[in-house]
Amino acid sequence: MTRYVIITPVRDEEKFIESTIESVRRQTVPPVEWVIVDDGSTDRTGELLDNAAATLPWLRIVHRVDRGFRKPGGGVMEAFYAGYNGVQHQDWEFLVKLDGDLTFAPDYFEKCFDYFRRDPKLGIGGGEIHHEVVGELKLEQNPRFHVRGATKIYKRACWETIGGLWPDPGWDTIDEVKANMLGWHTYSFGDLPLLHHRFTGSEGGILRDRIKHGKVCYISGYHPLFVVASCLRRLAQKPYVLGAGAILYGFLKAHVIRTRRLEDRSYVAYIRSQQLRRLFGMQSIWR
């Protein structure tokens, strides 16, 4: 049996956490350990987690004190590492970062690990995120190399090579770019859907999410031309001009105030070269 551990940071997830727990409980290949970190929930999340842990021997709960607000990106990583640093089973082969508002098939992890077995250079993988829109499942589109932060599986050798995760917003792009730069493959599994019960970035509203995206572009070392091209492409998506402007605003603001970002020249050179290749229609990790 494949040995894997799951880390799940949650905050105020009483509506969905029981469904996620049930999805993991029904897996044909169960985890050796699952650590759910209650990041200061103010609803019944903590109570529901404690009740579940009383019935599942491989489930442990870590309760954190409420900081008084939701801290996008950085708060998730604080909670993630609170769980990771307390993992008891250190002989794991795969590490999973899983959100607490997902549901998926009983053979999800079994089939995910089949991908890793077929591709020895696969370092980061996971299923594709879908949302239910008017009774139909709608795929959340992403670049070819990207695996959504809501469901990431790290092969141990890759995890150790990239040195873990960046502790601030942008972590779920930086990890994959570093992995590709170091010779690993990263991609989503198109035939393994997960239902995400909350739209990505919906907690703070779409404009705040776009501003955050612009900030992440700066933190992740994006080429300015690639950011401008991304803004132009967003003009065709709601909220059209406001959404595109919000991305550019987030990027420029982060530049002006000198937001902390990854200072790794080889990384920045690699991601910008890949983005320029994409802009000029050449093969890249984007396509």
C-alpha atoms as a PDB file:
ATOM      1  CA  MET A   1       0.000   0.000   0.000  1.00  0.00           C
ATOM      2  CA  THR A   2       1.206   3.486  -0.852  1.00  0.00           C
ATOM      3  CA  ARG A   3       2.152   5.417   2.285  1.00  0.00           C
ATOM      4  CA  TYR A   4       0.888   8.977   2.184  1.00  0.00           C
ATOM      5  CA  VAL A   5      -0.017  11.680   4.681  1.00  0.00           C
ATOM      6  CA  ILE A   6      -2.529  14.485   4.225  1.00  0.00           C
ATOM      7  CA  ILE A   7      -2.361  18.002   5.664  1.00  0.00           C
ATOM      8  CA  THR A   8      -5.596  20.015   5.583  1.00  0.00           C
ATOM      9  CA  PRO A   9      -5.741  23.614   6.838  1.00  0.00           C
ATOM     10  CA  VAL A  10      -9.331  24.698   7.510  1.00  0.00           C
ATOM     11  CA  ARG A  11     -11.118  27.738   8.880  1.00  0.00           C
ATOM     12  CA  ASP A  12     -14.903  27.970   9.289  1.00  0.00           C
ATOM     13  CA  GLU A  13     -15.696  24.949   7.104  1.00  0.00           C
ATOM     14  CA  GLU A  14     -18.660  23.492   9.012  1.00  0.00           C
ATOM     15  CA  LYS A  15     -20.737  23.355   5.809  1.00  0.00           C
ATOM     16  CA  PHE A  16     -18.334  21.122   3.884  1.00  0.00           C
ATOM     17  CA  ILE A  17     -15.754  19.482   6.152  1.00  0.00           C
ATOM     18  CA  GLU A  18     -17.869  16.420   6.957  1.00  0.00           C
ATOM     19  CA  SER A  19     -18.252  15.666   3.234  1.00  0.00           C
ATOM     20  CA  THR A  20     -14.492  15.922   2.738  1.00  0.00           C
ATOM     21  CA  ILE A  21     -13.870  13.627   5.706  1.00  0.00           C
ATOM     22  CA  GLU A  22     -16.325  11.113   4.269  1.00  0.00           C
ATOM     23  CA  SER A  23     -14.545  11.241   0.895  1.00  0.00           C
ATOM     24  CA  VAL A  24     -11.222  10.401   2.547  1.00  0.00           C
ATOM     25  CA  ARG A  25     -12.766   7.762   4.813  1.00  0.00           C
ATOM     26  CA  ARG A  26     -14.082   5.884   1.765  1.00  0.00           C
ATOM     27  CA  GLN A  27     -10.735   5.798  -0.090  1.00  0.00           C
ATOM     28  CA  THR A  28      -9.609   2.417  -1.397  1.00  0.00           C
ATOM     29  CA  VAL A  29      -6.081   3.445  -0.371  1.00  0.00           C
ATOM     30  CA  PRO A  30      -6.380   5.222   2.996  1.00  0.00           C
ATOM     31  CA  PRO A  31      -3.714   7.595   4.353  1.00  0.00           C
ATOM     32  CA  VAL A  32      -1.345   6.489   7.097  1.00  0.00           C
ATOM     33  CA  GLU A  33      -2.019   9.840   8.741  1.00  0.00           C
ATOM     34  CA  TRP A  34      -4.273  12.826   8.166  1.00  0.00           C
ATOM     35  CA  VAL A  35      -3.677  16.039  10.098  1.00  0.00           C
ATOM     36  CA  ILE A  36      -6.442  18.632   9.909  1.00  0.00           C
ATOM     37  CA  VAL A  37      -5.449  22.022  11.290  1.00  0.00           C
ATOM     38  CA  ASP A  38      -8.362  24.059  12.608  1.00  0.00           C
ATOM     39  CA  ASP A  39      -7.019  27.552  12.002  1.00  0.00           C
ATOM     40  CA  GLY A  40      -9.065  29.384  14.646  1.00  0.00           C
ATOM     41  CA  SER A  41     -12.557  28.575  13.354  1.00  0.00           C
ATOM     42  CA  THR A  42     -15.417  30.503  14.949  1.00  0.00           C
ATOM     43  CA  ASP A  43     -18.180  28.110  13.847  1.00  0.00           C
ATOM     44  CA  ARG A  44     -18.694  24.393  14.650  1.00  0.00           C
ATOM     45  CA  THR A  45     -15.725  23.224  12.552  1.00  0.00           C
ATOM     46  CA  GLY A  46     -13.611  22.309  15.590  1.00  0.00           C
ATOM     47  CA  GLU A  47     -16.405  20.293  17.181  1.00  0.00           C
ATOM     48  CA  LEU A  48     -17.094  18.373  13.963  1.00  0.00           C
ATOM     49  CA  LEU A  49     -13.406  17.595  13.565  1.00  0.00           C
ATOM     50  CA  ASP A  50     -13.045  16.265  17.116  1.00  0.00           C
ATOM     51  CA  ASN A  51     -16.096  14.042  16.611  1.00  0.00           C
ATOM     52  CA  ALA A  52     -14.610  12.603  13.401  1.00  0.00           C
ATOM     53  CA  ALA A  53     -11.177  12.036  14.970  1.00  0.00           C
ATOM     54  CA  ALA A  54     -12.806   9.938  17.702  1.00  0.00           C
ATOM     55  CA  THR A  55     -13.830   7.380  15.058  1.00  0.00           C
ATOM     56  CA  LEU A  56     -10.872   7.445  12.640  1.00  0.00           C
ATOM     57  CA  PRO A  57      -7.540   6.234  14.073  1.00  0.00           C
ATOM     58  CA  TRP A  58      -5.430   7.884  11.350  1.00  0.00           C
ATOM     59  CA  LEU A  59      -7.050  11.327  11.768  1.00  0.00           C
ATOM     60  CA  ARG A  60      -5.524  13.912  14.122  1.00  0.00           C
ATOM     61  CA  ILE A  61      -6.713  17.449  14.802  1.00  0.00           C
ATOM     62  CA  VAL A  62      -4.573  20.477  15.595  1.00  0.00           C
ATOM     63  CA  HIS A  63      -6.439  23.487  17.000  1.00  0.00           C
ATOM     64  CA  ARG A  64      -4.948  26.954  16.534  1.00  0.00           C
ATOM     65  CA  VAL A  65      -5.993  30.132  18.318  1.00  0.00           C
ATOM     66  CA  ASP A  66      -8.192  32.490  16.283  1.00  0.00           C
ATOM     67  CA  ARG A  67      -6.064  35.354  14.924  1.00  0.00           C
ATOM     68  CA  GLY A  68      -9.245  37.359  14.406  1.00  0.00           C
ATOM     69  CA  PHE A  69      -9.211  37.439  10.603  1.00  0.00           C
ATOM     70  CA  ARG A  70      -8.686  35.299   7.512  1.00  0.00           C
ATOM     71  CA  LYS A  71      -5.113  35.623   6.187  1.00  0.00           C
ATOM     72  CA  PRO A  72      -5.120  34.585   2.514  1.00  0.00           C
ATOM     73  CA  GLY A  73      -2.079  32.665   1.306  1.00  0.00           C
ATOM     74  CA  GLY A  74       0.172  33.223   4.289  1.00  0.00           C
ATOM     75  CA  GLY A  75      -2.408  32.004   6.806  1.00  0.00           C
ATOM     76  CA  VAL A  76      -2.875  28.794   4.852  1.00  0.00           C
ATOM     77  CA  MET A  77       0.873  28.137   4.959  1.00  0.00           C
ATOM     78  CA  GLU A  78       1.082  28.890   8.691  1.00  0.00           C
ATOM     79  CA  ALA A  79      -1.664  26.341   9.317  1.00  0.00           C
ATOM     80  CA  PHE A  80      -0.170  23.862   6.843  1.00  0.00           C
ATOM     81  CA  TYR A  81       3.204  23.870   8.581  1.00  0.00           C
ATOM     82  CA  ALA A  82       1.558  23.619  11.987  1.00  0.00           C
ATOM     83  CA  GLY A  83       0.270  20.277  10.722  1.00  0.00           C
ATOM     84  CA  TYR A  84       3.356  19.260   8.760  1.00  0.00           C
ATOM     85  CA  ASN A  85       5.732  19.834  11.664  1.00  0.00           C
ATOM     86  CA  GLY A  86       3.627  17.540  13.820  1.00  0.00           C
ATOM     87  CA  VAL A  87       3.384  14.591  11.411  1.00  0.00           C
ATOM     88  CA  GLN A  88       4.105  11.385  13.327  1.00  0.00           C
ATOM     89  CA  HIS A  89       4.594   8.996  10.392  1.00  0.00           C
ATOM     90  CA  GLN A  90       7.849  10.157   8.843  1.00  0.00           C
ATOM     91  CA  ASP A  91       8.219   7.251   6.393  1.00  0.00           C
ATOM     92  CA  TRP A  92       5.685   8.684   3.934  1.00  0.00           C
ATOM     93  CA  GLU A  93       6.138   8.387   0.162  1.00  0.00           C
ATOM     94  CA  PHE A  94       3.711  11.173  -0.764  1.00  0.00           C
ATOM     95  CA  LEU A  95       2.572  14.350   0.962  1.00  0.00           C
ATOM     96  CA  VAL A  96      -0.896  15.706   0.166  1.00  0.00           C
ATOM     97  CA  LYS A  97      -2.118  19.255   0.725  1.00  0.00           C
ATOM     98  CA  LEU A  98      -5.925  19.002   0.624  1.00  0.00           C
ATOM     99  CA  ASP A  99      -8.614  21.628   1.191  1.00  0.00           C
ATOM    100  CA  GLY A 100     -11.558  21.004   3.501  1.00  0.00           C
ATOM    101  CA  ASP A 101     -14.316  21.760   0.986  1.00  0.00           C
ATOM    102  CA  LEU A 102     -13.757  19.033  -1.618  1.00  0.00           C
ATOM    103  CA  THR A 103     -15.510  15.783  -2.460  1.00  0.00           C
ATOM    104  CA  PHE A 104     -14.164  13.061  -4.745  1.00  0.00           C
ATOM    105  CA  ALA A 105     -14.491   9.409  -5.736  1.00  0.00           C
ATOM    106  CA  PRO A 106     -13.442   6.501  -3.444  1.00  0.00           C
ATOM    107  CA  ASP A 107     -10.614   5.493  -5.817  1.00  0.00           C
ATOM    108  CA  TYR A 108      -9.293   9.041  -6.245  1.00  0.00           C
ATOM    109  CA  PHE A 109      -5.946   8.596  -4.474  1.00  0.00           C
ATOM    110  CA  GLU A 110      -5.447   5.083  -5.836  1.00  0.00           C
ATOM    111  CA  LYS A 111      -5.707   6.417  -9.389  1.00  0.00           C
ATOM    112  CA  CYS A 112      -3.553   9.451  -8.581  1.00  0.00           C
ATOM    113  CA  PHE A 113      -0.719   7.203  -7.428  1.00  0.00           C
ATOM    114  CA  ASP A 114      -1.033   5.216 -10.657  1.00  0.00           C
ATOM    115  CA  TYR A 115       0.002   8.386 -12.507  1.00  0.00           C
ATOM    116  CA  PHE A 116       3.109   8.689 -10.341  1.00  0.00           C
ATOM    117  CA  ARG A 117       4.000   5.061 -10.989  1.00  0.00           C
ATOM    118  CA  ARG A 118       3.681   5.513 -14.748  1.00  0.00           C
ATOM    119  CA  ASP A 119       5.766   8.707 -14.788  1.00  0.00           C
ATOM    120  CA  PRO A 120       8.873   8.445 -12.548  1.00  0.00           C
ATOM    121  CA  LYS A 121       9.632  12.155 -13.121  1.00  0.00           C
ATOM    122  CA  LEU A 122       6.206  13.301 -11.951  1.00  0.00           C
ATOM    123  CA  GLY A 123       6.870  15.375  -8.837  1.00  0.00           C
ATOM    124  CA  ILE A 124       3.593  17.237  -8.226  1.00  0.00           C
ATOM    125  CA  GLY A 125       0.162  16.100  -9.366  1.00  0.00           C
ATOM    126  CA  GLY A 126      -3.514  16.014  -8.512  1.00  0.00           C
ATOM    127  CA  GLY A 127      -6.998  15.895  -9.960  1.00  0.00           C
ATOM    128  CA  GLU A 128      -8.755  18.726 -11.744  1.00  0.00           C
ATOM    129  CA  ILE A 129     -11.039  21.093  -9.857  1.00  0.00           C
ATOM    130  CA  HIS A 130     -14.659  21.388 -10.949  1.00  0.00           C
ATOM    131  CA  HIS A 131     -17.491  23.621  -9.728  1.00  0.00           C
ATOM    132  CA  GLU A 132     -21.191  22.931  -9.980  1.00  0.00           C
ATOM    133  CA  VAL A 133     -22.822  25.629 -12.114  1.00  0.00           C
ATOM    134  CA  VAL A 134     -26.556  25.377 -12.803  1.00  0.00           C
ATOM    135  CA  GLY A 135     -26.519  21.652 -12.153  1.00  0.00           C
ATOM    136  CA  GLU A 136     -23.494  20.938 -14.363  1.00  0.00           C
ATOM    137  CA  LEU A 137     -19.831  20.430 -13.497  1.00  0.00           C
ATOM    138  CA  LYS A 138     -17.590  23.149 -14.906  1.00  0.00           C
ATOM    139  CA  LEU A 139     -13.822  22.666 -15.149  1.00  0.00           C
ATOM    140  CA  GLU A 140     -11.576  25.332 -13.635  1.00  0.00           C
ATOM    141  CA  GLN A 141      -9.095  26.074 -16.414  1.00  0.00           C
ATOM    142  CA  ASN A 142      -5.402  26.313 -15.544  1.00  0.00           C
ATOM    143  CA  PRO A 143      -1.975  26.306 -17.258  1.00  0.00           C
ATOM    144  CA  ARG A 144      -0.681  22.899 -18.299  1.00  0.00           C
ATOM    145  CA  PHE A 145       1.934  22.722 -15.512  1.00  0.00           C
ATOM    146  CA  HIS A 146      -0.394  23.854 -12.737  1.00  0.00           C
ATOM    147  CA  VAL A 147      -2.067  21.759 -10.039  1.00  0.00           C
ATOM    148  CA  ARG A 148      -4.589  23.623  -7.933  1.00  0.00           C
ATOM    149  CA  GLY A 149      -3.492  24.441  -4.411  1.00  0.00           C
ATOM    150  CA  ALA A 150      -6.679  22.829  -3.132  1.00  0.00           C
ATOM    151  CA  THR A 151      -5.365  19.376  -4.065  1.00  0.00           C
ATOM    152  CA  LYS A 152      -1.635  18.827  -4.426  1.00  0.00           C
ATOM    153  CA  ILE A 153       0.272  15.569  -4.134  1.00  0.00           C
ATOM    154  CA  TYR A 154       4.044  15.850  -3.691  1.00  0.00           C
ATOM    155  CA  LYS A 155       6.367  12.938  -4.337  1.00  0.00           C
ATOM    156  CA  ARG A 156       8.857  12.854  -1.472  1.00  0.00           C
ATOM    157  CA  ALA A 157      11.977  13.216  -3.618  1.00  0.00           C
ATOM    158  CA  CYS A 158      10.466  16.265  -5.342  1.00  0.00           C
ATOM    159  CA  TRP A 159       9.352  17.781  -2.043  1.00  0.00           C
ATOM    160  CA  GLU A 160      12.878  17.515  -0.681  1.00  0.00           C
ATOM    161  CA  THR A 161      14.403  18.874  -3.892  1.00  0.00           C
ATOM    162  CA  ILE A 162      12.278  22.057  -3.929  1.00  0.00           C
ATOM    163  CA  GLY A 163      12.853  22.577  -0.209  1.00  0.00           C
ATOM    164  CA  GLY A 164       9.229  22.723   0.873  1.00  0.00           C
ATOM    165  CA  LEU A 165       6.804  25.595   0.258  1.00  0.00           C
ATOM    166  CA  TRP A 166       7.148  29.371   0.096  1.00  0.00           C
ATOM    167  CA  PRO A 167       5.402  30.655   3.270  1.00  0.00           C
ATOM    168  CA  ASP A 168       3.404  33.479   1.631  1.00  0.00           C
ATOM    169  CA  PRO A 169       0.946  33.974  -1.265  1.00  0.00           C
ATOM    170  CA  GLY A 170       2.323  32.497  -4.469  1.00  0.00           C
ATOM    171  CA  TRP A 171       3.394  29.221  -2.852  1.00  0.00           C
ATOM    172  CA  ASP A 172       1.274  27.142  -5.233  1.00  0.00           C
ATOM    173  CA  THR A 173       3.001  28.578  -8.306  1.00  0.00           C
ATOM    174  CA  ILE A 174       6.545  28.813  -6.975  1.00  0.00           C
ATOM    175  CA  ASP A 175       6.592  25.133  -5.991  1.00  0.00           C
ATOM    176  CA  GLU A 176       5.698  23.947  -9.491  1.00  0.00           C
ATOM    177  CA  VAL A 177       8.009  26.318 -11.339  1.00  0.00           C
ATOM    178  CA  LYS A 178      10.916  25.271  -9.114  1.00  0.00           C
ATOM    179  CA  ALA A 179      10.061  21.615  -9.671  1.00  0.00           C
ATOM    180  CA  ASN A 180      10.052  22.039 -13.460  1.00  0.00           C
ATOM    181  CA  MET A 181      13.281  24.019 -13.325  1.00  0.00           C
ATOM    182  CA  LEU A 182      14.879  21.137 -11.427  1.00  0.00           C
ATOM    183  CA  GLY A 183      13.747  18.504 -13.924  1.00  0.00           C
ATOM    184  CA  TRP A 184      10.432  17.312 -12.486  1.00  0.00           C
ATOM    185  CA  HIS A 185       7.069  17.114 -14.230  1.00  0.00           C
ATOM    186  CA  THR A 186       3.966  18.770 -12.785  1.00  0.00           C
ATOM    187  CA  TYR A 187       0.452  18.455 -14.160  1.00  0.00           C
ATOM    188  CA  SER A 188      -3.191  17.772 -13.314  1.00  0.00           C
ATOM    189  CA  PHE A 189      -4.994  14.518 -14.050  1.00  0.00           C
ATOM    190  CA  GLY A 190      -7.836  15.270 -16.443  1.00  0.00           C
ATOM    191  CA  ASP A 191      -9.784  12.091 -15.754  1.00  0.00           C
ATOM    192  CA  LEU A 192      -9.851  12.584 -11.959  1.00  0.00           C
ATOM    193  CA  PRO A 193     -12.307  15.340 -11.044  1.00  0.00           C
ATOM    194  CA  LEU A 194     -12.820  16.839  -7.605  1.00  0.00           C
ATOM    195  CA  LEU A 195     -15.877  18.919  -6.751  1.00  0.00           C
ATOM    196  CA  HIS A 196     -14.884  22.184  -5.088  1.00  0.00           C
ATOM    197  CA  HIS A 197     -17.842  23.472  -3.108  1.00  0.00           C
ATOM    198  CA  ARG A 198     -16.573  27.038  -2.991  1.00  0.00           C
ATOM    199  CA  PHE A 199     -15.335  29.010  -5.982  1.00  0.00           C
ATOM    200  CA  THR A 200     -11.616  29.749  -5.858  1.00  0.00           C
ATOM    201  CA  GLY A 201     -11.017  33.207  -4.389  1.00  0.00           C
ATOM    202  CA  SER A 202     -14.684  33.696  -3.495  1.00  0.00           C
ATOM    203  CA  GLU A 203     -14.050  34.438   0.198  1.00  0.00           C
ATOM    204  CA  GLY A 204     -13.064  38.079  -0.343  1.00  0.00           C
ATOM    205  CA  GLY A 205     -14.898  38.846  -3.574  1.00  0.00           C
ATOM    206  CA  ILE A 206     -13.740  38.677  -7.184  1.00  0.00           C
ATOM    207  CA  LEU A 207     -11.970  42.058  -7.306  1.00  0.00           C
ATOM    208  CA  ARG A 208      -9.951  41.318  -4.182  1.00  0.00           C
ATOM    209  CA  ASP A 209      -9.060  37.967  -5.700  1.00  0.00           C
ATOM    210  CA  ARG A 210      -7.846  39.698  -8.882  1.00  0.00           C
ATOM    211  CA  ILE A 211      -5.740  42.138  -6.824  1.00  0.00           C
ATOM    212  CA  LYS A 212      -4.302  39.196  -4.924  1.00  0.00           C
ATOM    213  CA  HIS A 213      -3.513  37.513  -8.250  1.00  0.00           C
ATOM    214  CA  GLY A 214      -1.551  40.570  -9.363  1.00  0.00           C
ATOM    215  CA  LYS A 215       0.351  40.547  -6.071  1.00  0.00           C
ATOM    216  CA  VAL A 216       1.136  36.858  -6.530  1.00  0.00           C
ATOM    217  CA  CYS A 217       2.464  37.587 -10.028  1.00  0.00           C
ATOM    218  CA  TYR A 218       4.964  40.001  -8.471  1.00  0.00           C
ATOM    219  CA  ILE A 219       5.923  37.635  -5.664  1.00  0.00           C
ATOM    220  CA  SER A 220       6.371  34.773  -8.140  1.00  0.00           C
ATOM    221  CA  GLY A 221       8.747  36.789 -10.330  1.00  0.00           C
ATOM    222  CA  TYR A 222       6.490  37.137 -13.393  1.00  0.00           C
ATOM    223  CA  HIS A 223       7.785  39.051 -16.392  1.00  0.00           C
ATOM    224  CA  PRO A 224       5.971  42.436 -16.688  1.00  0.00           C
ATOM    225  CA  LEU A 225       5.105  41.737 -20.332  1.00  0.00           C
ATOM    226  CA  PHE A 226       3.463  38.475 -19.322  1.00  0.00           C
ATOM    227  CA  VAL A 227       1.419  40.291 -16.663  1.00  0.00           C
ATOM    228  CA  VAL A 228       0.243  42.872 -19.214  1.00  0.00           C
ATOM    229  CA  ALA A 229      -0.705  40.087 -21.636  1.00  0.00           C
ATOM    230  CA  SER A 230      -2.602  38.340 -18.850  1.00  0.00           C
ATOM    231  CA  CYS A 231      -4.514  41.557 -18.107  1.00  0.00           C
ATOM    232  CA  LEU A 232      -5.431  41.970 -21.783  1.00  0.00           C
ATOM    233  CA  ARG A 233      -6.723  38.395 -21.879  1.00  0.00           C
ATOM    234  CA  ARG A 234      -8.839  39.061 -18.788  1.00  0.00           C
ATOM    235  CA  LEU A 235     -10.669  41.838 -20.640  1.00  0.00           C
ATOM    236  CA  ALA A 236     -12.801  39.105 -22.189  1.00  0.00           C
ATOM    237  CA  GLN A 237     -13.844  37.757 -18.764  1.00  0.00           C
ATOM    238  CA  LYS A 238     -16.158  39.250 -16.175  1.00  0.00           C
ATOM    239  CA  PRO A 239     -15.787  41.753 -14.601  1.00  0.00           C
ATOM    240  CA  TYR A 240     -13.975  42.773 -17.796  1.00  0.00           C
ATOM    241  CA  VAL A 241     -12.075  46.086 -17.398  1.00  0.00           C
ATOM    242  CA  LEU A 242     -12.339  46.118 -13.594  1.00  0.00           C
ATOM    243  CA  GLY A 243     -10.951  42.605 -13.300  1.00  0.00           C
ATOM    244  CA  ALA A 244      -8.016  43.276 -15.621  1.00  0.00           C
ATOM    245  CA  GLY A 245      -7.310  46.587 -13.906  1.00  0.00           C
ATOM    246  CA  ALA A 246      -7.370  44.927 -10.494  1.00  0.00           C
ATOM    247  CA  ILE A 247      -4.650  42.457 -11.537  1.00  0.00           C
ATOM    248  CA  LEU A 248      -2.423  45.259 -12.830  1.00  0.00           C
ATOM    249  CA  TYR A 249      -3.093  47.303  -9.697  1.00  0.00           C
ATOM    250  CA  GLY A 250      -2.109  44.386  -7.450  1.00  0.00           C
ATOM    251  CA  PHE A 251       1.100  43.821  -9.409  1.00  0.00           C
ATOM    252  CA  LEU A 252       2.130  47.492  -9.428  1.00  0.00           C
ATOM    253  CA  LYS A 253       1.226  48.031  -5.773  1.00  0.00           C
ATOM    254  CA  ALA A 254       3.355  45.053  -4.734  1.00  0.00           C
ATOM    255  CA  HIS A 255       6.234  46.497  -6.784  1.00  0.00           C
ATOM    256  CA  VAL A 256       5.903  49.978  -5.253  1.00  0.00           C
ATOM    257  CA  ILE A 257       5.747  48.819  -1.635  1.00  0.00           C
ATOM    258  CA  ARG A 258       8.402  46.151  -2.263  1.00  0.00           C
ATOM    259  CA  THR A 259       6.370  43.183  -1.105  1.00  0.00           C
ATOM    260  CA  ARG A 260       8.620  40.313  -0.019  1.00  0.00           C
ATOM    261  CA  ARG A 261       9.191  37.886  -2.863  1.00  0.00           C
ATOM    262  CA  LEU A 262      11.377  34.960  -3.801  1.00  0.00           C
ATOM    263  CA  GLU A 263      14.912  36.253  -4.422  1.00  0.00           C
ATOM    264  CA  ASP A 264      16.360  33.426  -6.473  1.00  0.00           C
ATOM    265  CA  ARG A 265      18.004  34.588  -9.696  1.00  0.00           C
ATOM    266  CA  SER A 266      17.982  31.183 -11.351  1.00  0.00           C
ATOM    267  CA  TYR A 267      14.270  30.781 -10.560  1.00  0.00           C
ATOM    268  CA  VAL A 268      13.365  34.254 -11.858  1.00  0.00           C
ATOM    269  CA  ALA A 269      15.420  33.722 -15.024  1.00  0.00           C
ATOM    270  CA  TYR A 270      13.705  30.388 -15.620  1.00  0.00           C
ATOM    271  CA  ILE A 271      10.107  31.536 -15.108  1.00  0.00           C
ATOM    272  CA  ARG A 272      10.592  34.661 -17.221  1.00  0.00           C
ATOM    273  CA  SER A 273      12.201  32.717 -20.050  1.00  0.00           C
ATOM    274  CA  GLN A 274       9.271  30.296 -20.005  1.00  0.00           C
ATOM    275  CA  GLN A 275       6.801  33.188 -20.085  1.00  0.00           C
ATOM    276  CA  LEU A 276       8.556  34.864 -23.011  1.00  0.00           C
ATOM    277  CA  ARG A 277       8.518  31.544 -24.857  1.00  0.00           C
ATOM    278  CA  ARG A 278       4.777  31.347 -24.231  1.00  0.00           C
ATOM    279  CA  LEU A 279       4.232  34.907 -25.502  1.00  0.00           C
ATOM    280  CA  PHE A 280       6.109  34.131 -28.716  1.00  0.00           C
ATOM    281  CA  GLY A 281       4.219  30.876 -29.331  1.00  0.00           C
ATOM    282  CA  MET A 282       7.087  28.558 -28.412  1.00  0.00           C
ATOM    283  CA  GLN A 283       6.889  25.437 -26.266  1.00  0.00           C
ATOM    284  CA  SER A 284       6.907  26.197 -22.545  1.00  0.00           C
ATOM    285  CA  ILE A 285       5.601  24.896 -19.246  1.00  0.00           C
ATOM    286  CA  TRP A 286       2.481  26.989 -19.894  1.00  0.00           C
ATOM    287  CA  ARG A 287       1.676  25.040 -23.078  1.00  0.00           C
END
